[in-house]
Amino acid sequence: MGNEAQAEIDSLRERLAAAEAVAAEVARIKAINADLEARNALLELQNEKMRRTLFGQRSERTRHLLDQMELTFEECETAASEEEFLAALAAAKTNVAPFERKRPARKALPEHLPRERVVIAAPDACPCCGSERLCKLGEDITETLEVVPRQWKVVQTVREKFSCRDCEKITQPPAPFHVTPRGLFGPSFLAMLLFEKFGAHQPLNRQRDRYAREGVDLSLSTLADQVGTCAAALMPLYLLIEAHVLAAERLHGDDTTVPVLAKTKTDTGRIWTYVRDDRPFGGPAPPAAIFHYSRDRRGEHPVSHLRSWRGILQADAYAGYNALFHGDRLPAPLTRALCWSHYPEHGFIWGDAILTSGIGGKGQCGSRDKIIGTAGTKADPALASKAWPLRVRYRRASKSSVAHRASSSGSSRYTGSWSRCWNDRDNRGSRSRRCPTAGARRRSCGGKREE
């Protein structure tokens, strides 16, 4: 009876070991599949970024596409790490080899961060022979990034009162300066409040809930009141930045969409950006940008923004800017300079159409001279020999073809606005650097913006 029980136990142990081995193998396969999905998402994201770099930005929709692809890659990477950890736990009980993901070399931690040195005490004697004659050979340092949690405190400013025994007058030090009236909040809190709202694009109701979870209960009306007061206090600084930007000889202008949370549906607002950036020209003036908000894209907005400014405006071919270039504009018409970052898309599409259909005849590819065509007769010869084919012989191409549509935009404006900006080609990305937190605004606010 004992032998049969022992045999049954051994049989159950073998079945359990086999089941654990199968489970470990399944977990390993899941980890491999999750790793492949993460790598595929990363490659798709890198491919889309390179296409945008090579061919230019097609529309504002590409920004949303990149944001969505980054979110997809984030989810795949998280799932892959989780599956790898579970596969390692399952493999630890069996003889199945665990799956280890290939990761890039770890980036060094920033040098400007303070270092806290924690030394693990060495043994007093040799663990092998017990001798106390130990000599230090070196040390191994492992760096771990850590954060100090936010701490709240109340600063009590005490002003003592004194009474004179001779004249019975009461004296007291004057009240300190406060950023906002009544001094309920300190400057560090106000800076954090403004950055979270306008820099990280966290609405005040989310900030209120987070503060409440940390034990600080503040009403939404109080936070909104502080934001309004700070905006009025910072208005002189904004006016100085605006005067600095409008003192430039050339500006880069553009607008971007902003989802606005309306009463019944999500509306689309606009943020107008004007950038002063003379660094590619060796200018000593520091770069700066000003922003204006509007509920629509009517041409009256850029006209009012640049009412008293004169100079060269580099922007896209939006018709709303046309009033700025009229000869009867006061104080003077602006000089148009189209942005080269909008042309690669048309140029590359058109170039591909030439190579596939040919301009010289049916089934023939146009020669280089024919592709260059009459480009560059009045501009820099380098533009004609190296840049995109602008004024070319595309008359034989059908008006409904891709080649004709792609080239018509750039060719018609070549001699003036495009060629004027050729020497400015190193500065064509100034407007693209205007608002690095635009994607953060859409992601954190769920695609909506509070009015």
Protein backbone atom coordinates (compact mmCIF):
# COMPACT_ATOMS: atom_id res chain seq x y z
CA MET A 1 0.00 0.00 0.00
CA GLY A 2 2.86 2.35 0.81
CA ASN A 3 4.63 1.68 -2.47
CA GLU A 4 1.48 2.40 -4.49
CA ALA A 5 0.96 5.72 -2.64
CA GLN A 6 4.56 6.72 -3.20
CA ALA A 7 4.28 5.83 -6.89
CA GLU A 8 1.13 7.92 -7.15
CA ILE A 9 2.89 10.86 -5.49
CA ASP A 10 5.85 10.54 -7.87
CA SER A 11 3.49 10.39 -10.83
CA LEU A 12 1.70 13.55 -9.65
CA ARG A 13 5.02 15.32 -9.19
CA GLU A 14 6.07 14.42 -12.72
CA ARG A 15 2.76 15.66 -14.12
CA LEU A 16 3.10 18.89 -12.11
CA ALA A 17 6.66 19.40 -13.39
CA ALA A 18 5.52 18.75 -16.95
CA ALA A 19 2.62 21.20 -16.53
CA GLU A 20 4.98 23.82 -15.11
CA ALA A 21 7.36 23.28 -18.03
CA VAL A 22 4.50 23.73 -20.50
CA ALA A 23 3.34 26.85 -18.67
CA ALA A 24 6.89 28.24 -18.72
CA GLU A 25 7.19 27.56 -22.44
CA VAL A 26 3.84 29.25 -23.08
CA ALA A 27 4.94 32.24 -21.02
CA ARG A 28 8.21 32.35 -22.98
CA ILE A 29 6.33 32.35 -26.30
CA LYS A 30 4.03 35.11 -25.06
CA ALA A 31 7.07 37.16 -24.04
CA ILE A 32 8.65 36.67 -27.48
CA ASN A 33 5.44 37.73 -29.25
CA ALA A 34 5.05 40.78 -27.02
CA ASP A 35 8.67 41.75 -27.70
CA LEU A 36 8.12 41.44 -31.45
CA GLU A 37 5.01 43.61 -31.26
CA ALA A 38 6.92 46.27 -29.30
CA ARG A 39 9.80 46.22 -31.79
CA ASN A 40 7.35 46.46 -34.69
CA ALA A 41 5.61 49.45 -33.09
CA LEU A 42 8.98 51.12 -32.55
CA LEU A 43 10.00 50.57 -36.17
CA GLU A 44 6.70 51.98 -37.43
CA LEU A 45 7.14 55.05 -35.22
CA GLN A 46 10.72 55.59 -36.40
CA ASN A 47 9.66 55.10 -40.02
CA GLU A 48 6.92 57.72 -39.74
CA LYS A 49 9.30 60.20 -38.10
CA MET A 50 11.88 59.69 -40.86
CA ARG A 51 9.22 60.12 -43.54
CA ARG A 52 8.16 63.36 -41.91
CA THR A 53 11.79 64.52 -41.79
CA LEU A 54 12.47 63.63 -45.42
CA PHE A 55 9.22 64.67 -47.08
CA GLY A 56 8.01 67.35 -44.71
CA GLN A 57 4.84 67.66 -42.72
CA ARG A 58 1.78 66.79 -44.78
CA SER A 59 -0.82 68.32 -42.46
CA GLU A 60 -1.64 68.91 -38.81
CA ARG A 61 -3.06 65.38 -38.76
CA THR A 62 0.45 63.89 -38.82
CA ARG A 63 1.07 65.24 -35.34
CA HIS A 64 -1.97 63.40 -34.05
CA LEU A 65 -0.76 60.29 -35.90
CA LEU A 66 2.66 60.42 -34.22
CA ASP A 67 1.04 60.91 -30.82
CA GLN A 68 -1.17 57.86 -31.36
CA MET A 69 1.79 55.79 -32.54
CA GLU A 70 3.77 56.77 -29.45
CA LEU A 71 0.86 55.70 -27.25
CA THR A 72 0.70 52.37 -29.12
CA PHE A 73 4.42 51.83 -28.66
CA GLU A 74 4.09 52.68 -24.97
CA GLU A 75 1.41 50.03 -24.47
CA CYS A 76 3.36 47.40 -26.42
CA GLU A 77 6.56 48.11 -24.51
CA THR A 78 4.76 47.89 -21.17
CA ALA A 79 3.11 44.60 -22.14
CA ALA A 80 6.44 43.17 -23.36
CA SER A 81 8.21 43.99 -20.09
CA GLU A 82 5.36 42.47 -18.10
CA GLU A 83 5.39 39.26 -20.16
CA GLU A 84 9.17 39.00 -19.82
CA PHE A 85 8.95 39.24 -16.04
CA LEU A 86 6.18 36.62 -15.88
CA ALA A 87 8.16 34.30 -18.16
CA ALA A 88 11.20 34.64 -15.89
CA LEU A 89 9.10 33.71 -12.85
CA ALA A 90 7.66 30.67 -14.64
CA ALA A 91 11.09 29.55 -15.91
CA ALA A 92 12.63 29.76 -12.44
CA LYS A 93 10.69 26.62 -11.39
CA THR A 94 11.66 24.58 -14.45
CA ASN A 95 14.58 23.86 -16.75
CA VAL A 96 13.17 26.10 -19.50
CA ALA A 97 15.58 28.88 -20.51
CA PRO A 98 14.08 32.30 -19.68
CA PHE A 99 13.55 34.83 -22.46
CA GLU A 100 15.59 38.03 -22.19
CA ARG A 101 14.79 41.03 -24.33
CA LYS A 102 17.54 42.86 -26.17
CA ARG A 103 17.71 46.37 -24.80
CA PRO A 104 19.91 49.26 -25.94
CA ALA A 105 22.75 50.48 -23.78
CA ARG A 106 21.42 52.34 -20.77
CA LYS A 107 21.78 56.08 -20.98
CA ALA A 108 23.90 57.70 -18.29
CA LEU A 109 22.05 59.69 -15.67
CA PRO A 110 22.35 63.50 -15.93
CA GLU A 111 25.56 64.86 -14.48
CA HIS A 112 23.93 67.98 -13.00
CA LEU A 113 21.84 65.98 -10.53
CA PRO A 114 23.20 65.84 -6.98
CA ARG A 115 24.68 62.54 -5.88
CA GLU A 116 23.89 60.94 -2.50
CA ARG A 117 26.63 58.47 -1.59
CA VAL A 118 25.50 55.40 0.36
CA VAL A 119 28.44 53.16 1.35
CA ILE A 120 27.76 49.56 2.30
CA ALA A 121 30.05 48.63 5.19
CA ALA A 122 32.78 46.17 4.25
CA PRO A 123 33.48 43.11 6.43
CA ASP A 124 36.03 43.53 9.26
CA ALA A 125 37.69 40.22 8.53
CA CYS A 126 38.24 37.97 5.54
CA PRO A 127 35.25 35.61 5.16
CA CYS A 128 37.60 32.91 3.84
CA CYS A 129 40.40 32.70 6.44
CA GLY A 130 39.29 35.19 9.11
CA SER A 131 42.30 37.48 8.74
CA GLU A 132 41.82 41.16 9.58
CA ARG A 133 44.57 42.39 7.25
CA LEU A 134 42.32 43.76 4.48
CA CYS A 135 43.45 46.19 1.78
CA LYS A 136 41.02 48.18 -0.39
CA LEU A 137 41.37 47.43 -4.11
CA GLY A 138 38.57 49.61 -5.47
CA GLU A 139 34.81 49.97 -5.47
CA ASP A 140 31.77 49.33 -7.66
CA ILE A 141 29.21 52.13 -7.93
CA THR A 142 25.60 51.53 -8.92
CA GLU A 143 23.58 54.66 -9.70
CA THR A 144 19.82 54.65 -9.13
CA LEU A 145 17.55 57.53 -10.04
CA GLU A 146 15.30 58.60 -7.18
CA VAL A 147 12.87 61.45 -6.57
CA VAL A 148 12.01 63.34 -3.40
CA PRO A 149 8.21 63.46 -2.96
CA ARG A 150 6.59 66.87 -2.90
CA GLN A 151 6.24 68.33 0.57
CA TRP A 152 3.73 70.95 1.60
CA LYS A 153 4.40 73.53 4.27
CA VAL A 154 2.88 76.71 5.68
CA VAL A 155 5.21 79.69 6.06
CA GLN A 156 4.28 81.90 9.00
CA THR A 157 5.53 85.46 8.62
CA VAL A 158 5.54 87.01 12.09
CA ARG A 159 5.54 90.82 12.55
CA GLU A 160 6.02 91.68 16.17
CA LYS A 161 4.43 94.79 17.68
CA PHE A 162 6.25 96.99 20.17
CA SER A 163 4.97 99.81 22.33
CA CYS A 164 7.18 102.70 23.45
CA ARG A 165 7.17 103.26 27.21
CA ASP A 166 7.97 106.95 26.76
CA CYS A 167 5.57 108.14 24.00
CA GLU A 168 3.26 105.11 23.96
CA LYS A 169 3.56 104.76 20.16
CA ILE A 170 3.14 101.31 18.60
CA THR A 171 5.68 100.24 15.99
CA GLN A 172 5.60 97.21 13.69
CA PRO A 173 7.67 96.13 10.65
CA PRO A 174 5.95 96.58 7.27
CA ALA A 175 4.24 93.65 5.62
CA PRO A 176 6.38 91.70 3.16
CA PHE A 177 5.75 91.77 -0.59
CA HIS A 178 3.28 89.22 -1.95
CA VAL A 179 2.85 88.20 -5.57
CA THR A 180 -0.93 88.23 -5.25
CA PRO A 181 -3.09 90.26 -2.85
CA ARG A 182 -3.49 88.91 0.67
CA GLY A 183 -0.54 86.54 0.15
CA LEU A 184 -2.42 83.26 0.50
CA PHE A 185 -0.04 81.42 -1.84
CA GLY A 186 3.72 81.68 -2.17
CA PRO A 187 5.65 82.24 -5.39
CA SER A 188 6.76 78.59 -5.69
CA PHE A 189 3.18 77.35 -5.51
CA LEU A 190 2.00 79.93 -8.03
CA ALA A 191 4.81 78.98 -10.44
CA MET A 192 3.85 75.32 -10.11
CA LEU A 193 0.16 76.14 -10.65
CA LEU A 194 0.84 78.12 -13.83
CA PHE A 195 3.28 75.59 -15.25
CA GLU A 196 0.90 72.70 -14.67
CA LYS A 197 -1.91 74.57 -16.44
CA PHE A 198 -0.05 76.17 -19.35
CA GLY A 199 3.13 74.08 -19.59
CA ALA A 200 1.89 70.56 -18.79
CA HIS A 201 -1.72 71.47 -19.82
CA GLN A 202 -3.35 70.04 -16.72
CA PRO A 203 -6.77 71.65 -16.10
CA LEU A 204 -7.37 73.23 -12.73
CA ASN A 205 -9.96 70.62 -11.74
CA ARG A 206 -7.36 67.85 -12.11
CA GLN A 207 -4.85 69.85 -10.09
CA ARG A 208 -7.48 70.42 -7.40
CA ASP A 209 -8.17 66.68 -7.15
CA ARG A 210 -4.46 65.86 -6.97
CA TYR A 211 -3.89 68.43 -4.23
CA ALA A 212 -6.85 67.02 -2.30
CA ARG A 213 -5.34 63.53 -2.42
CA GLU A 214 -2.20 65.02 -0.89
CA GLY A 215 -4.18 66.52 2.00
CA VAL A 216 -4.54 70.10 0.71
CA ASP A 217 -8.15 70.99 -0.09
CA LEU A 218 -8.43 74.01 -2.42
CA SER A 219 -11.52 75.13 -4.29
CA LEU A 220 -11.61 75.49 -8.07
CA SER A 221 -12.66 79.13 -7.84
CA THR A 222 -9.67 79.94 -5.63
CA LEU A 223 -7.22 78.37 -8.09
CA ALA A 224 -8.86 80.13 -11.04
CA ASP A 225 -8.70 83.44 -9.17
CA GLN A 226 -4.96 82.97 -8.63
CA VAL A 227 -4.38 82.16 -12.31
CA GLY A 228 -6.17 85.32 -13.37
CA THR A 229 -4.28 87.45 -10.89
CA CYS A 230 -0.93 86.01 -11.99
CA ALA A 231 -1.80 86.60 -15.64
CA ALA A 232 -2.41 90.27 -14.88
CA ALA A 233 0.81 90.48 -12.86
CA LEU A 234 2.84 88.94 -15.71
CA MET A 235 1.34 91.14 -18.43
CA PRO A 236 4.26 93.65 -18.37
CA LEU A 237 6.65 90.78 -19.03
CA TYR A 238 4.50 89.60 -21.93
CA LEU A 239 4.48 93.09 -23.42
CA LEU A 240 8.28 93.21 -23.27
CA ILE A 241 8.54 89.86 -25.08
CA GLU A 242 6.02 91.04 -27.66
CA ALA A 243 8.00 94.23 -28.27
CA HIS A 244 11.20 92.19 -28.63
CA VAL A 245 9.60 89.84 -31.19
CA LEU A 246 8.03 92.63 -33.24
CA ALA A 247 11.35 94.49 -33.35
CA ALA A 248 12.77 91.82 -35.68
CA GLU A 249 13.30 92.35 -39.41
CA ARG A 250 11.85 88.93 -40.23
CA LEU A 251 9.23 86.77 -38.52
CA HIS A 252 8.08 83.19 -38.93
CA GLY A 253 4.31 82.88 -38.67
CA ASP A 254 2.01 79.88 -38.45
CA ASP A 255 -1.17 78.66 -36.81
CA THR A 256 -2.15 75.34 -35.30
CA THR A 257 -5.46 73.80 -34.31
CA VAL A 258 -6.59 73.57 -30.70
CA PRO A 259 -9.59 71.44 -29.68
CA VAL A 260 -11.91 73.58 -27.54
CA LEU A 261 -14.47 72.03 -25.21
CA ALA A 262 -17.74 73.82 -26.04
CA LYS A 263 -21.21 73.36 -24.55
CA THR A 264 -22.58 70.88 -27.06
CA LYS A 265 -19.58 69.64 -29.06
CA THR A 266 -15.84 70.03 -29.40
CA ASP A 267 -14.98 73.15 -31.35
CA THR A 268 -11.70 73.89 -33.15
CA GLY A 269 -9.77 76.98 -32.11
CA ARG A 270 -6.49 78.38 -33.38
CA ILE A 271 -3.19 79.37 -31.82
CA TRP A 272 -1.25 81.88 -33.92
CA THR A 273 2.51 81.84 -33.44
CA TYR A 274 5.08 84.44 -34.45
CA VAL A 275 8.72 83.48 -33.94
CA ARG A 276 11.85 85.60 -33.99
CA ASP A 277 14.92 83.41 -34.48
CA ASP A 278 18.07 84.92 -36.04
CA ARG A 279 20.50 82.26 -34.82
CA PRO A 280 21.02 80.69 -38.31
CA PHE A 281 22.02 84.17 -39.53
CA GLY A 282 24.45 84.76 -36.68
CA GLY A 283 22.19 87.37 -35.13
CA PRO A 284 22.91 88.36 -31.52
CA ALA A 285 19.25 88.75 -30.53
CA PRO A 286 17.86 85.89 -28.45
CA PRO A 287 15.00 83.87 -30.00
CA ALA A 288 11.48 84.45 -28.76
CA ALA A 289 7.88 83.70 -29.71
CA ILE A 290 4.47 85.19 -29.03
CA PHE A 291 1.15 83.37 -29.15
CA HIS A 292 -2.40 84.57 -29.88
CA TYR A 293 -5.59 82.55 -29.52
CA SER A 294 -8.74 82.79 -31.62
CA ARG A 295 -11.90 80.71 -32.03
CA ASP A 296 -11.64 80.62 -35.85
CA ARG A 297 -9.13 81.04 -38.69
CA ARG A 298 -10.37 84.23 -40.29
CA GLY A 299 -7.78 86.39 -41.99
CA GLU A 300 -8.57 89.34 -39.74
CA HIS A 301 -6.59 87.77 -36.90
CA PRO A 302 -3.08 87.89 -38.44
CA VAL A 303 -3.88 91.38 -39.74
CA SER A 304 -4.63 92.58 -36.21
CA HIS A 305 -1.65 90.75 -34.73
CA LEU A 306 0.82 92.42 -37.12
CA ARG A 307 -1.01 95.72 -37.50
CA SER A 308 2.02 97.99 -36.92
CA TRP A 309 4.83 95.62 -37.93
CA ARG A 310 6.84 95.76 -41.16
CA GLY A 311 9.43 93.38 -42.54
CA ILE A 312 9.70 89.88 -44.04
CA LEU A 313 7.05 87.35 -43.02
CA GLN A 314 7.91 83.71 -43.66
CA ALA A 315 4.76 81.61 -43.59
CA ASP A 316 2.73 79.16 -45.64
CA ALA A 317 0.45 80.06 -48.53
CA TYR A 318 -2.63 80.60 -46.36
CA ALA A 319 -4.88 83.22 -48.00
CA GLY A 320 -5.47 84.96 -44.68
CA TYR A 321 -1.99 86.49 -44.90
CA ASN A 322 -2.65 88.08 -48.30
CA ALA A 323 -3.99 91.32 -46.82
CA LEU A 324 -0.60 91.87 -45.18
CA PHE A 325 1.11 91.95 -48.60
CA HIS A 326 -1.22 94.41 -50.37
CA GLY A 327 0.41 97.55 -51.67
CA ASP A 328 -2.07 99.85 -49.86
CA ARG A 329 -1.30 98.41 -46.42
CA LEU A 330 -0.16 100.88 -43.77
CA PRO A 331 2.48 101.53 -42.58
CA ALA A 332 3.94 99.39 -45.43
CA PRO A 333 3.21 96.07 -47.13
CA LEU A 334 5.05 93.07 -45.78
CA THR A 335 7.47 91.03 -47.88
CA ARG A 336 6.34 87.43 -48.42
CA ALA A 337 8.78 84.55 -48.00
CA LEU A 338 7.24 81.11 -48.28
CA CYS A 339 8.51 78.41 -45.95
CA TRP A 340 10.62 75.63 -47.49
CA SER A 341 9.40 73.09 -44.94
CA HIS A 342 6.06 73.01 -46.81
CA TYR A 343 7.60 72.26 -50.19
CA PRO A 344 9.40 68.87 -49.82
CA GLU A 345 6.09 67.04 -49.79
CA HIS A 346 5.08 68.46 -53.18
CA GLY A 347 8.59 68.19 -54.61
CA PHE A 348 9.14 64.56 -53.69
CA ILE A 349 5.67 63.48 -54.78
CA TRP A 350 6.19 65.22 -58.10
CA GLY A 351 9.70 63.80 -58.50
CA ASP A 352 8.37 60.28 -57.94
CA ALA A 353 5.68 60.90 -60.53
CA ILE A 354 8.32 62.04 -63.03
CA LEU A 355 10.41 58.91 -62.53
CA THR A 356 7.39 56.63 -62.95
CA SER A 357 5.56 58.36 -65.81
CA GLY A 358 8.27 60.49 -67.42
CA ILE A 359 7.98 63.95 -68.92
CA GLY A 360 10.01 63.40 -72.02
CA GLY A 361 7.57 60.93 -73.48
CA LYS A 362 5.59 57.80 -72.79
CA GLY A 363 7.61 55.30 -70.80
CA GLN A 364 10.70 57.53 -70.65
CA CYS A 365 12.17 59.22 -67.63
CA GLY A 366 12.94 62.90 -67.97
CA SER A 367 16.61 63.76 -68.02
CA ARG A 368 18.21 65.81 -65.29
CA ASP A 369 18.37 68.91 -67.49
CA LYS A 370 14.74 68.47 -68.39
CA ILE A 371 13.80 68.01 -64.75
CA ILE A 372 15.66 71.16 -63.77
CA GLY A 373 14.06 72.90 -66.73
CA THR A 374 13.97 76.65 -66.52
CA ALA A 375 14.47 76.73 -62.76
CA GLY A 376 17.00 79.13 -61.36
CA THR A 377 17.12 81.70 -64.14
CA LYS A 378 16.84 84.55 -61.64
CA ALA A 379 17.86 82.90 -58.37
CA ASP A 380 20.86 81.17 -56.84
CA PRO A 381 22.26 78.56 -59.29
CA ALA A 382 22.57 76.15 -56.36
CA LEU A 383 18.83 76.21 -56.10
CA ALA A 384 18.48 75.08 -59.70
CA SER A 385 21.07 72.32 -59.45
CA LYS A 386 20.45 70.91 -55.98
CA ALA A 387 16.96 71.83 -54.80
CA TRP A 388 13.65 70.44 -55.84
CA PRO A 389 12.53 70.78 -59.51
CA LEU A 390 10.43 73.90 -59.43
CA ARG A 391 9.76 75.50 -62.81
CA VAL A 392 9.92 72.47 -65.07
CA ARG A 393 8.41 71.28 -68.29
CA TYR A 394 5.38 69.50 -66.95
CA ARG A 395 3.07 70.67 -69.74
CA ARG A 396 2.84 67.20 -71.25
CA ALA A 397 1.61 65.80 -67.95
CA SER A 398 -2.13 65.57 -67.54
CA LYS A 399 -3.67 68.27 -65.37
CA SER A 400 -5.33 65.58 -63.29
CA SER A 401 -2.04 63.72 -62.68
CA VAL A 402 -0.08 63.71 -59.44
CA ALA A 403 2.89 65.43 -61.11
CA HIS A 404 0.86 68.41 -62.30
CA ARG A 405 -0.94 68.93 -58.98
CA ALA A 406 2.22 68.61 -56.88
CA SER A 407 4.32 70.96 -58.98
CA SER A 408 1.74 73.67 -59.56
CA SER A 409 1.95 74.93 -55.97
CA GLY A 410 5.70 75.47 -55.94
CA SER A 411 6.29 76.44 -59.57
CA SER A 412 3.84 79.33 -59.59
CA ARG A 413 5.54 81.00 -56.61
CA TYR A 414 9.14 80.08 -57.38
CA THR A 415 10.68 83.32 -58.67
CA GLY A 416 9.39 85.39 -55.77
CA SER A 417 8.52 83.83 -52.45
CA TRP A 418 10.35 80.47 -52.77
CA SER A 419 13.63 81.81 -54.14
CA ARG A 420 13.67 84.72 -51.70
CA CYS A 421 13.84 82.21 -48.88
CA TRP A 422 16.51 79.97 -50.46
CA ASN A 423 19.35 81.58 -48.51
CA ASP A 424 17.14 81.20 -45.46
CA ARG A 425 16.90 77.42 -45.87
CA ASP A 426 18.86 76.73 -42.67
CA ASN A 427 16.19 78.58 -40.74
CA ARG A 428 13.19 76.86 -42.24
CA GLY A 429 12.43 74.89 -39.07
CA SER A 430 12.03 77.86 -36.71
CA ARG A 431 8.27 77.63 -36.68
CA SER A 432 8.44 73.89 -36.11
CA ARG A 433 10.27 74.57 -32.85
CA ARG A 434 7.63 77.01 -31.70
CA CYS A 435 5.51 74.87 -29.38
CA PRO A 436 7.06 71.60 -28.12
CA THR A 437 4.17 70.98 -25.74
CA ALA A 438 1.40 70.98 -28.35
CA GLY A 439 1.20 67.19 -28.25
CA ALA A 440 1.20 67.18 -24.45
CA ARG A 441 -1.77 69.52 -24.49
CA ARG A 442 -3.82 67.18 -26.68
CA ARG A 443 -2.80 64.02 -24.81
CA SER A 444 -3.30 65.34 -21.28
CA CYS A 445 -6.61 67.07 -22.03
CA GLY A 446 -8.03 64.14 -23.95
CA GLY A 447 -8.10 66.09 -27.18
CA LYS A 448 -10.06 68.98 -25.65
CA ARG A 449 -9.19 72.36 -24.28
CA GLU A 450 -11.11 74.29 -21.66
CA GLU A 451 -12.23 77.73 -22.79
